[in-house]
Amino acid sequence: MGDSLLTHWYFHLPNLVMAALVYTLIGRYVLELFFAKKQDATILVVFRQITDPVVRLVRIVTPKIVPNGLVIVLAIVWLMALRMFLYLTVIASGVKPFLGTEG
């Protein structure tokens, strides 16, 4: 297992970063719902600082009519699509990285 992680770092590292961003965006979305009236909550500020670059990138390609709350959801969808694209690209190149319990 550790051998696969080191051997296929070009797959695992970006996949891990994108997965962390997806879960952080989900956390931000939920926290935005809980702290709707208290926008200066420390945990919400931290989640915004981590996820704002991704949200800004998605906002660039998203029409202005789409509300900001939905841009966060679209960022999650785009990151999941990128993870799937990465996986399919690695598989198409003939490499089969170890993803879980096999055999």
N, C-alpha and C. Protein backbone atom coordinates (compact mmCIF):
# COMPACT_ATOMS: atom_id res chain seq x y z
N MET A 1 0.82 -1.19 0.00
CA MET A 1 0.00 0.00 0.00
C MET A 1 0.87 1.25 0.00
N GLY A 2 1.84 1.34 0.88
CA GLY A 2 2.72 2.50 0.92
C GLY A 2 3.52 2.63 -0.36
N ASP A 3 3.84 1.49 -0.97
CA ASP A 3 4.57 1.49 -2.23
C ASP A 3 3.74 2.16 -3.33
N SER A 4 2.45 1.88 -3.38
CA SER A 4 1.57 2.48 -4.38
C SER A 4 1.46 3.98 -4.18
N LEU A 5 1.42 4.42 -2.94
CA LEU A 5 1.32 5.85 -2.65
C LEU A 5 2.54 6.59 -3.16
N LEU A 6 3.72 6.05 -2.92
CA LEU A 6 4.93 6.69 -3.39
C LEU A 6 5.12 6.55 -4.89
N THR A 7 4.73 5.41 -5.41
CA THR A 7 4.90 5.17 -6.84
C THR A 7 3.98 6.05 -7.67
N HIS A 8 2.76 6.22 -7.22
CA HIS A 8 1.74 6.97 -7.97
C HIS A 8 1.41 8.30 -7.29
N TRP A 9 2.44 8.98 -6.84
CA TRP A 9 2.23 10.25 -6.14
C TRP A 9 1.55 11.29 -7.02
N TYR A 10 1.80 11.25 -8.32
CA TYR A 10 1.22 12.20 -9.26
C TYR A 10 -0.30 12.07 -9.35
N PHE A 11 -0.84 10.93 -8.93
CA PHE A 11 -2.29 10.76 -8.84
C PHE A 11 -2.78 11.06 -7.43
N HIS A 12 -2.13 10.49 -6.43
CA HIS A 12 -2.62 10.57 -5.06
C HIS A 12 -2.55 11.99 -4.48
N LEU A 13 -1.49 12.71 -4.76
CA LEU A 13 -1.34 14.06 -4.19
C LEU A 13 -2.41 15.02 -4.69
N PRO A 14 -2.61 15.18 -6.01
CA PRO A 14 -3.69 16.08 -6.44
C PRO A 14 -5.07 15.58 -6.02
N ASN A 15 -5.26 14.27 -6.01
CA ASN A 15 -6.54 13.71 -5.60
C ASN A 15 -6.82 14.04 -4.13
N LEU A 16 -5.81 13.93 -3.29
CA LEU A 16 -5.96 14.26 -1.88
C LEU A 16 -6.27 15.74 -1.68
N VAL A 17 -5.57 16.60 -2.40
CA VAL A 17 -5.81 18.05 -2.29
C VAL A 17 -7.22 18.40 -2.74
N MET A 18 -7.64 17.82 -3.86
CA MET A 18 -9.01 18.11 -4.35
C MET A 18 -10.06 17.57 -3.40
N ALA A 19 -9.83 16.39 -2.82
CA ALA A 19 -10.79 15.83 -1.86
C ALA A 19 -10.89 16.73 -0.63
N ALA A 20 -9.75 17.21 -0.14
CA ALA A 20 -9.77 18.11 1.01
C ALA A 20 -10.52 19.40 0.69
N LEU A 21 -10.32 19.92 -0.51
CA LEU A 21 -11.05 21.14 -0.90
C LEU A 21 -12.55 20.89 -1.01
N VAL A 22 -12.93 19.73 -1.52
CA VAL A 22 -14.37 19.40 -1.62
C VAL A 22 -14.99 19.39 -0.23
N TYR A 23 -14.36 18.70 0.71
CA TYR A 23 -14.92 18.62 2.05
C TYR A 23 -14.88 19.96 2.77
N THR A 24 -13.87 20.75 2.49
CA THR A 24 -13.81 22.08 3.09
C THR A 24 -14.90 22.98 2.51
N LEU A 25 -15.18 22.86 1.22
CA LEU A 25 -16.27 23.63 0.62
C LEU A 25 -17.62 23.20 1.18
N ILE A 26 -17.80 21.90 1.40
CA ILE A 26 -19.04 21.43 2.02
C ILE A 26 -19.16 22.00 3.43
N GLY A 27 -18.06 21.98 4.18
CA GLY A 27 -18.07 22.56 5.51
C GLY A 27 -18.39 24.03 5.49
N ARG A 28 -17.83 24.76 4.53
CA ARG A 28 -18.12 26.19 4.41
C ARG A 28 -19.59 26.41 4.13
N TYR A 29 -20.16 25.62 3.23
CA TYR A 29 -21.57 25.78 2.89
C TYR A 29 -22.47 25.56 4.11
N VAL A 30 -22.18 24.52 4.87
CA VAL A 30 -22.96 24.24 6.08
C VAL A 30 -22.77 25.34 7.12
N LEU A 31 -21.54 25.79 7.31
CA LEU A 31 -21.28 26.86 8.27
C LEU A 31 -21.95 28.16 7.85
N GLU A 32 -22.01 28.43 6.54
CA GLU A 32 -22.71 29.63 6.07
C GLU A 32 -24.19 29.57 6.46
N LEU A 33 -24.76 28.37 6.44
CA LEU A 33 -26.16 28.22 6.85
C LEU A 33 -26.32 28.44 8.36
N PHE A 34 -25.41 27.88 9.16
CA PHE A 34 -25.50 28.01 10.61
C PHE A 34 -25.20 29.41 11.10
N PHE A 35 -24.23 30.07 10.48
CA PHE A 35 -23.81 31.39 10.93
C PHE A 35 -24.27 32.49 9.98
N ALA A 36 -25.48 32.38 9.48
CA ALA A 36 -26.00 33.36 8.53
C ALA A 36 -26.06 34.76 9.13
N LYS A 37 -26.38 34.85 10.41
CA LYS A 37 -26.50 36.15 11.06
C LYS A 37 -25.17 36.62 11.67
N LYS A 38 -24.25 35.71 11.90
CA LYS A 38 -22.97 36.07 12.52
C LYS A 38 -21.84 35.80 11.51
N GLN A 39 -21.63 36.73 10.60
CA GLN A 39 -20.68 36.57 9.52
C GLN A 39 -19.22 36.63 9.96
N ASP A 40 -18.96 37.09 11.19
CA ASP A 40 -17.58 37.22 11.65
C ASP A 40 -17.15 36.07 12.56
N ALA A 41 -17.88 34.97 12.53
CA ALA A 41 -17.50 33.79 13.33
C ALA A 41 -16.13 33.30 12.85
N THR A 42 -15.25 33.03 13.78
CA THR A 42 -13.87 32.69 13.46
C THR A 42 -13.77 31.47 12.55
N ILE A 43 -14.52 30.43 12.84
CA ILE A 43 -14.44 29.21 12.04
C ILE A 43 -14.89 29.48 10.61
N LEU A 44 -15.90 30.32 10.45
CA LEU A 44 -16.40 30.67 9.12
C LEU A 44 -15.37 31.49 8.36
N VAL A 45 -14.70 32.39 9.05
CA VAL A 45 -13.64 33.20 8.42
C VAL A 45 -12.50 32.30 7.94
N VAL A 46 -12.12 31.31 8.74
CA VAL A 46 -11.04 30.39 8.35
C VAL A 46 -11.45 29.57 7.13
N PHE A 47 -12.66 29.05 7.14
CA PHE A 47 -13.13 28.26 5.99
C PHE A 47 -13.19 29.12 4.74
N ARG A 48 -13.60 30.37 4.88
CA ARG A 48 -13.64 31.28 3.72
C ARG A 48 -12.24 31.54 3.18
N GLN A 49 -11.28 31.74 4.07
CA GLN A 49 -9.90 32.01 3.62
C GLN A 49 -9.33 30.82 2.85
N ILE A 50 -9.67 29.62 3.26
CA ILE A 50 -9.16 28.42 2.60
C ILE A 50 -9.83 28.22 1.24
N THR A 51 -11.14 28.47 1.17
CA THR A 51 -11.90 28.13 -0.04
C THR A 51 -12.12 29.29 -1.00
N ASP A 52 -11.84 30.51 -0.60
CA ASP A 52 -12.09 31.65 -1.48
C ASP A 52 -11.36 31.57 -2.82
N PRO A 53 -10.10 31.12 -2.89
CA PRO A 53 -9.47 31.03 -4.21
C PRO A 53 -10.24 30.12 -5.19
N VAL A 54 -10.74 29.01 -4.69
CA VAL A 54 -11.50 28.09 -5.55
C VAL A 54 -12.82 28.74 -5.96
N VAL A 55 -13.50 29.35 -4.99
CA VAL A 55 -14.78 29.99 -5.29
C VAL A 55 -14.60 31.12 -6.30
N ARG A 56 -13.50 31.89 -6.18
CA ARG A 56 -13.23 32.97 -7.14
C ARG A 56 -12.99 32.43 -8.54
N LEU A 57 -12.27 31.32 -8.65
CA LEU A 57 -12.04 30.71 -9.96
C LEU A 57 -13.34 30.24 -10.59
N VAL A 58 -14.20 29.63 -9.79
CA VAL A 58 -15.48 29.17 -10.31
C VAL A 58 -16.37 30.36 -10.67
N ARG A 59 -16.29 31.43 -9.90
CA ARG A 59 -17.09 32.63 -10.17
C ARG A 59 -16.72 33.24 -11.52
N ILE A 60 -15.46 33.12 -11.91
CA ILE A 60 -15.02 33.68 -13.19
C ILE A 60 -15.74 33.02 -14.36
N VAL A 61 -15.93 31.71 -14.30
CA VAL A 61 -16.56 30.99 -15.41
C VAL A 61 -18.07 30.83 -15.24
N THR A 62 -18.62 31.33 -14.14
CA THR A 62 -20.05 31.21 -13.86
C THR A 62 -20.75 32.51 -14.22
N PRO A 63 -21.91 32.44 -14.86
CA PRO A 63 -22.66 33.67 -15.17
C PRO A 63 -23.00 34.46 -13.90
N LYS A 64 -23.04 35.77 -14.02
CA LYS A 64 -23.28 36.65 -12.87
C LYS A 64 -24.66 36.45 -12.24
N ILE A 65 -25.60 35.89 -12.99
CA ILE A 65 -26.95 35.70 -12.47
C ILE A 65 -27.02 34.61 -11.38
N VAL A 66 -26.01 33.75 -11.35
CA VAL A 66 -25.97 32.66 -10.37
C VAL A 66 -25.59 33.24 -9.00
N PRO A 67 -26.39 32.97 -7.96
CA PRO A 67 -26.08 33.50 -6.62
C PRO A 67 -24.82 32.88 -6.03
N ASN A 68 -24.19 33.60 -5.10
CA ASN A 68 -22.93 33.15 -4.50
C ASN A 68 -23.05 31.81 -3.80
N GLY A 69 -24.17 31.55 -3.14
CA GLY A 69 -24.36 30.27 -2.47
C GLY A 69 -24.31 29.10 -3.43
N LEU A 70 -24.82 29.32 -4.62
CA LEU A 70 -24.81 28.26 -5.62
C LEU A 70 -23.43 28.11 -6.25
N VAL A 71 -22.63 29.16 -6.25
CA VAL A 71 -21.27 29.07 -6.77
C VAL A 71 -20.45 28.09 -5.93
N ILE A 72 -20.70 28.06 -4.62
CA ILE A 72 -20.01 27.10 -3.76
C ILE A 72 -20.38 25.68 -4.15
N VAL A 73 -21.65 25.44 -4.42
CA VAL A 73 -22.11 24.12 -4.85
C VAL A 73 -21.48 23.76 -6.20
N LEU A 74 -21.43 24.72 -7.11
CA LEU A 74 -20.80 24.47 -8.41
C LEU A 74 -19.31 24.19 -8.27
N ALA A 75 -18.65 24.83 -7.31
CA ALA A 75 -17.23 24.56 -7.06
C ALA A 75 -17.05 23.11 -6.62
N ILE A 76 -17.96 22.62 -5.79
CA ILE A 76 -17.90 21.22 -5.35
C ILE A 76 -18.07 20.30 -6.56
N VAL A 77 -19.04 20.61 -7.40
CA VAL A 77 -19.30 19.78 -8.59
C VAL A 77 -18.09 19.78 -9.52
N TRP A 78 -17.49 20.95 -9.77
CA TRP A 78 -16.33 21.04 -10.64
C TRP A 78 -15.14 20.26 -10.08
N LEU A 79 -14.92 20.36 -8.78
CA LEU A 79 -13.81 19.61 -8.18
C LEU A 79 -14.04 18.11 -8.27
N MET A 80 -15.27 17.68 -8.07
CA MET A 80 -15.57 16.25 -8.21
C MET A 80 -15.35 15.80 -9.65
N ALA A 81 -15.74 16.64 -10.60
CA ALA A 81 -15.52 16.31 -12.02
C ALA A 81 -14.02 16.26 -12.33
N LEU A 82 -13.24 17.17 -11.76
CA LEU A 82 -11.79 17.14 -11.96
C LEU A 82 -11.16 15.89 -11.36
N ARG A 83 -11.65 15.47 -10.21
CA ARG A 83 -11.13 14.24 -9.61
C ARG A 83 -11.43 13.04 -10.50
N MET A 84 -12.64 13.00 -11.06
CA MET A 84 -13.00 11.90 -11.95
C MET A 84 -12.15 11.94 -13.22
N PHE A 85 -11.94 13.14 -13.76
CA PHE A 85 -11.09 13.30 -14.94
C PHE A 85 -9.67 12.82 -14.66
N LEU A 86 -9.13 13.19 -13.51
CA LEU A 86 -7.79 12.75 -13.12
C LEU A 86 -7.72 11.23 -13.05
N TYR A 87 -8.70 10.63 -12.40
CA TYR A 87 -8.73 9.17 -12.26
C TYR A 87 -8.81 8.49 -13.63
N LEU A 88 -9.71 8.97 -14.49
CA LEU A 88 -9.87 8.35 -15.80
C LEU A 88 -8.64 8.56 -16.67
N THR A 89 -7.99 9.70 -16.53
CA THR A 89 -6.77 9.95 -17.28
C THR A 89 -5.66 9.00 -16.86
N VAL A 90 -5.51 8.79 -15.57
CA VAL A 90 -4.48 7.88 -15.07
C VAL A 90 -4.79 6.45 -15.52
N ILE A 91 -6.04 6.05 -15.44
CA ILE A 91 -6.42 4.70 -15.88
C ILE A 91 -6.20 4.54 -17.38
N ALA A 92 -6.56 5.57 -18.17
CA ALA A 92 -6.39 5.50 -19.62
C ALA A 92 -4.92 5.41 -20.02
N SER A 93 -4.04 5.93 -19.18
CA SER A 93 -2.62 5.87 -19.50
C SER A 93 -2.01 4.50 -19.16
N GLY A 94 -2.82 3.62 -18.63
CA GLY A 94 -2.36 2.27 -18.37
C GLY A 94 -1.89 2.01 -16.95
N VAL A 95 -2.00 3.00 -16.09
CA VAL A 95 -1.58 2.86 -14.69
C VAL A 95 -2.81 2.55 -13.86
N LYS A 96 -2.67 1.62 -12.93
CA LYS A 96 -3.79 1.31 -12.03
C LYS A 96 -3.33 1.56 -10.60
N PRO A 97 -3.56 2.78 -10.09
CA PRO A 97 -3.15 3.06 -8.71
C PRO A 97 -4.02 2.30 -7.72
N PHE A 98 -3.43 1.94 -6.61
CA PHE A 98 -4.12 1.24 -5.54
C PHE A 98 -5.04 2.22 -4.83
N LEU A 99 -6.36 1.96 -4.83
CA LEU A 99 -7.32 2.88 -4.25
C LEU A 99 -7.94 2.39 -2.96
N GLY A 100 -7.88 1.13 -2.69
CA GLY A 100 -8.49 0.60 -1.48
C GLY A 100 -8.13 -0.87 -1.33
N THR A 101 -9.00 -1.61 -0.67
CA THR A 101 -8.73 -3.04 -0.50
C THR A 101 -9.03 -3.77 -1.79
N GLU A 102 -8.05 -4.40 -2.33
CA GLU A 102 -8.22 -5.19 -3.56
C GLU A 102 -7.86 -6.64 -3.25
N GLY A 103 -8.65 -7.51 -3.82
CA GLY A 103 -8.34 -8.92 -3.68
C GLY A 103 -8.96 -9.53 -2.57
